[in-house]
Amino acid sequence: MPLLAGIGPFGPLELVVILFIVVLIFGVGKLPEVGGAIGKSVREFRKATRDEEEEQKNAQASANGRTESEPGTAAIDAPDVIYCGECGTKNPRSAKFCAQCGHAIGAPVS
């Protein structure tokens, strides 16, 4: 297991102790709220990371004389990408749900 801040690997016993401490601090009733807040934070972090990667790709593409601003041209350049019908976010073709809004992504229309 990887080391975390020089503490050492976390085993099942350590994780149970950490979970017990979290339950003591927040209480059983607040755990769904805490979990939801953590999930939302992770989604926002992923979005920010993805936005930075897209900006870098767009900068490289514009340096090469291409732009990915048009959804039709991006689909031709990257056949493994599918756009969400709800919010327009790029997702891998294998995705069942949109990474941005969580909307179900149907089979692409041919």
C-alpha atoms as a PDB file:
ATOM      1  CA  MET A   1       0.000   0.000   0.000  1.00  0.00           C
ATOM      2  CA  PRO A   2       1.249   3.529  -0.680  1.00  0.00           C
ATOM      3  CA  LEU A   3       2.484   5.723   2.122  1.00  0.00           C
ATOM      4  CA  LEU A   4       0.422   8.743   3.089  1.00  0.00           C
ATOM      5  CA  ALA A   5       2.477  11.678   4.367  1.00  0.00           C
ATOM      6  CA  GLY A   6       5.039   9.321   5.883  1.00  0.00           C
ATOM      7  CA  ILE A   7       2.427   7.753   8.182  1.00  0.00           C
ATOM      8  CA  GLY A   8       2.587   4.291   6.672  1.00  0.00           C
ATOM      9  CA  PRO A   9       0.143   2.016   4.936  1.00  0.00           C
ATOM     10  CA  PHE A  10      -3.465   2.011   6.134  1.00  0.00           C
ATOM     11  CA  GLY A  11      -4.833  -1.425   6.914  1.00  0.00           C
ATOM     12  CA  PRO A  12      -8.407  -2.461   7.671  1.00  0.00           C
ATOM     13  CA  LEU A  13      -7.989  -1.839  11.410  1.00  0.00           C
ATOM     14  CA  GLU A  14      -6.754   1.728  10.877  1.00  0.00           C
ATOM     15  CA  LEU A  15      -9.628   2.469   8.505  1.00  0.00           C
ATOM     16  CA  VAL A  16     -12.160   1.164  11.056  1.00  0.00           C
ATOM     17  CA  VAL A  17     -10.637   3.396  13.743  1.00  0.00           C
ATOM     18  CA  ILE A  18     -10.785   6.412  11.417  1.00  0.00           C
ATOM     19  CA  LEU A  19     -14.427   5.634  10.540  1.00  0.00           C
ATOM     20  CA  PHE A  20     -15.264   5.319  14.244  1.00  0.00           C
ATOM     21  CA  ILE A  21     -13.697   8.717  14.964  1.00  0.00           C
ATOM     22  CA  VAL A  22     -15.629  10.294  12.067  1.00  0.00           C
ATOM     23  CA  VAL A  23     -18.895   8.836  13.389  1.00  0.00           C
ATOM     24  CA  LEU A  24     -18.111  10.196  16.860  1.00  0.00           C
ATOM     25  CA  ILE A  25     -17.364  13.669  15.519  1.00  0.00           C
ATOM     26  CA  PHE A  26     -20.219  14.063  13.024  1.00  0.00           C
ATOM     27  CA  GLY A  27     -22.807  11.600  14.328  1.00  0.00           C
ATOM     28  CA  VAL A  28     -24.683   9.009  12.327  1.00  0.00           C
ATOM     29  CA  GLY A  29     -27.313  11.485  11.106  1.00  0.00           C
ATOM     30  CA  LYS A  30     -24.779  13.828   9.488  1.00  0.00           C
ATOM     31  CA  LEU A  31     -22.832  11.136   7.603  1.00  0.00           C
ATOM     32  CA  PRO A  32     -24.965  11.383   4.415  1.00  0.00           C
ATOM     33  CA  GLU A  33     -24.424  15.161   4.339  1.00  0.00           C
ATOM     34  CA  VAL A  34     -20.680  14.763   4.884  1.00  0.00           C
ATOM     35  CA  GLY A  35     -20.508  12.089   2.177  1.00  0.00           C
ATOM     36  CA  GLY A  36     -22.450  14.285  -0.234  1.00  0.00           C
ATOM     37  CA  ALA A  37     -20.186  17.246   0.453  1.00  0.00           C
ATOM     38  CA  ILE A  38     -17.086  15.120  -0.117  1.00  0.00           C
ATOM     39  CA  GLY A  39     -18.548  13.764  -3.364  1.00  0.00           C
ATOM     40  CA  LYS A  40     -19.379  17.263  -4.577  1.00  0.00           C
ATOM     41  CA  SER A  41     -15.856  18.434  -3.750  1.00  0.00           C
ATOM     42  CA  VAL A  42     -14.344  15.542  -5.699  1.00  0.00           C
ATOM     43  CA  ARG A  43     -16.579  16.304  -8.723  1.00  0.00           C
ATOM     44  CA  GLU A  44     -15.582  19.985  -8.643  1.00  0.00           C
ATOM     45  CA  PHE A  45     -11.903  19.050  -8.378  1.00  0.00           C
ATOM     46  CA  ARG A  46     -12.238  16.685 -11.362  1.00  0.00           C
ATOM     47  CA  LYS A  47     -14.003  19.407 -13.356  1.00  0.00           C
ATOM     48  CA  ALA A  48     -11.285  21.948 -12.591  1.00  0.00           C
ATOM     49  CA  THR A  49      -8.596  19.459 -13.563  1.00  0.00           C
ATOM     50  CA  ARG A  50     -10.441  18.542 -16.771  1.00  0.00           C
ATOM     51  CA  ASP A  51     -10.927  22.228 -17.650  1.00  0.00           C
ATOM     52  CA  GLU A  52      -7.180  22.851 -17.316  1.00  0.00           C
ATOM     53  CA  GLU A  53      -6.405  19.840 -19.530  1.00  0.00           C
ATOM     54  CA  GLU A  54      -8.878  21.058 -22.170  1.00  0.00           C
ATOM     55  CA  GLU A  55      -7.315  24.529 -22.108  1.00  0.00           C
ATOM     56  CA  GLN A  56      -3.883  22.981 -22.680  1.00  0.00           C
ATOM     57  CA  LYS A  57      -5.226  20.842 -25.539  1.00  0.00           C
ATOM     58  CA  ASN A  58      -6.916  23.867 -27.111  1.00  0.00           C
ATOM     59  CA  ALA A  59      -3.708  25.873 -26.807  1.00  0.00           C
ATOM     60  CA  GLN A  60      -1.752  23.084 -28.510  1.00  0.00           C
ATOM     61  CA  ALA A  61      -4.427  22.687 -31.180  1.00  0.00           C
ATOM     62  CA  SER A  62      -4.471  26.409 -31.929  1.00  0.00           C
ATOM     63  CA  ALA A  63      -0.682  26.382 -32.138  1.00  0.00           C
ATOM     64  CA  ASN A  64      -1.022  23.631 -34.747  1.00  0.00           C
ATOM     65  CA  GLY A  65      -3.694  25.580 -36.627  1.00  0.00           C
ATOM     66  CA  ARG A  66      -6.705  23.587 -35.401  1.00  0.00           C
ATOM     67  CA  THR A  67      -9.477  24.560 -33.012  1.00  0.00           C
ATOM     68  CA  GLU A  68     -11.815  22.290 -31.064  1.00  0.00           C
ATOM     69  CA  SER A  69     -14.503  24.876 -30.471  1.00  0.00           C
ATOM     70  CA  GLU A  70     -16.963  23.184 -32.832  1.00  0.00           C
ATOM     71  CA  PRO A  71     -18.462  19.947 -31.495  1.00  0.00           C
ATOM     72  CA  GLY A  72     -18.662  18.405 -34.977  1.00  0.00           C
ATOM     73  CA  THR A  73     -14.956  18.814 -35.672  1.00  0.00           C
ATOM     74  CA  ALA A  74     -13.931  17.530 -32.246  1.00  0.00           C
ATOM     75  CA  ALA A  75     -15.965  14.369 -32.818  1.00  0.00           C
ATOM     76  CA  ILE A  76     -14.131  13.815 -36.103  1.00  0.00           C
ATOM     77  CA  ASP A  77     -10.739  14.398 -34.450  1.00  0.00           C
ATOM     78  CA  ALA A  78     -11.560  12.193 -31.454  1.00  0.00           C
ATOM     79  CA  PRO A  79     -13.948   9.313 -32.311  1.00  0.00           C
ATOM     80  CA  ASP A  80     -13.699   7.993 -28.752  1.00  0.00           C
ATOM     81  CA  VAL A  81     -15.490  11.096 -27.387  1.00  0.00           C
ATOM     82  CA  ILE A  82     -19.251  11.544 -26.978  1.00  0.00           C
ATOM     83  CA  TYR A  83     -21.063  14.712 -25.924  1.00  0.00           C
ATOM     84  CA  CYS A  84     -23.741  14.829 -23.224  1.00  0.00           C
ATOM     85  CA  GLY A  85     -27.136  15.744 -24.653  1.00  0.00           C
ATOM     86  CA  GLU A  86     -28.036  17.624 -21.462  1.00  0.00           C
ATOM     87  CA  CYS A  87     -25.004  19.850 -20.786  1.00  0.00           C
ATOM     88  CA  GLY A  88     -22.725  19.291 -23.818  1.00  0.00           C
ATOM     89  CA  THR A  89     -19.729  18.041 -21.819  1.00  0.00           C
ATOM     90  CA  LYS A  90     -17.237  15.734 -23.558  1.00  0.00           C
ATOM     91  CA  ASN A  91     -17.245  12.197 -22.147  1.00  0.00           C
ATOM     92  CA  PRO A  92     -15.521   8.967 -23.157  1.00  0.00           C
ATOM     93  CA  ARG A  93     -17.625   6.934 -25.574  1.00  0.00           C
ATOM     94  CA  SER A  94     -17.753   4.104 -23.006  1.00  0.00           C
ATOM     95  CA  ALA A  95     -19.400   6.357 -20.378  1.00  0.00           C
ATOM     96  CA  LYS A  96     -22.941   5.490 -19.326  1.00  0.00           C
ATOM     97  CA  PHE A  97     -23.472   8.782 -17.444  1.00  0.00           C
ATOM     98  CA  CYS A  98     -22.142  12.310 -17.927  1.00  0.00           C
ATOM     99  CA  ALA A  99     -19.201  13.132 -15.667  1.00  0.00           C
ATOM    100  CA  GLN A 100     -20.429  16.729 -15.314  1.00  0.00           C
ATOM    101  CA  CYS A 101     -24.188  16.541 -14.750  1.00  0.00           C
ATOM    102  CA  GLY A 102     -24.794  12.803 -14.184  1.00  0.00           C
ATOM    103  CA  HIS A 103     -27.344  12.604 -17.003  1.00  0.00           C
ATOM    104  CA  ALA A 104     -27.633   9.173 -18.664  1.00  0.00           C
ATOM    105  CA  ILE A 105     -25.820   9.117 -21.991  1.00  0.00           C
ATOM    106  CA  GLY A 106     -27.729   7.118 -24.596  1.00  0.00           C
ATOM    107  CA  ALA A 107     -26.293   5.260 -27.545  1.00  0.00           C
ATOM    108  CA  PRO A 108     -24.986   7.647 -30.210  1.00  0.00           C
ATOM    109  CA  VAL A 109     -27.282   8.247 -33.178  1.00  0.00           C
ATOM    110  CA  SER A 110     -25.717   7.121 -36.448  1.00  0.00           C
END
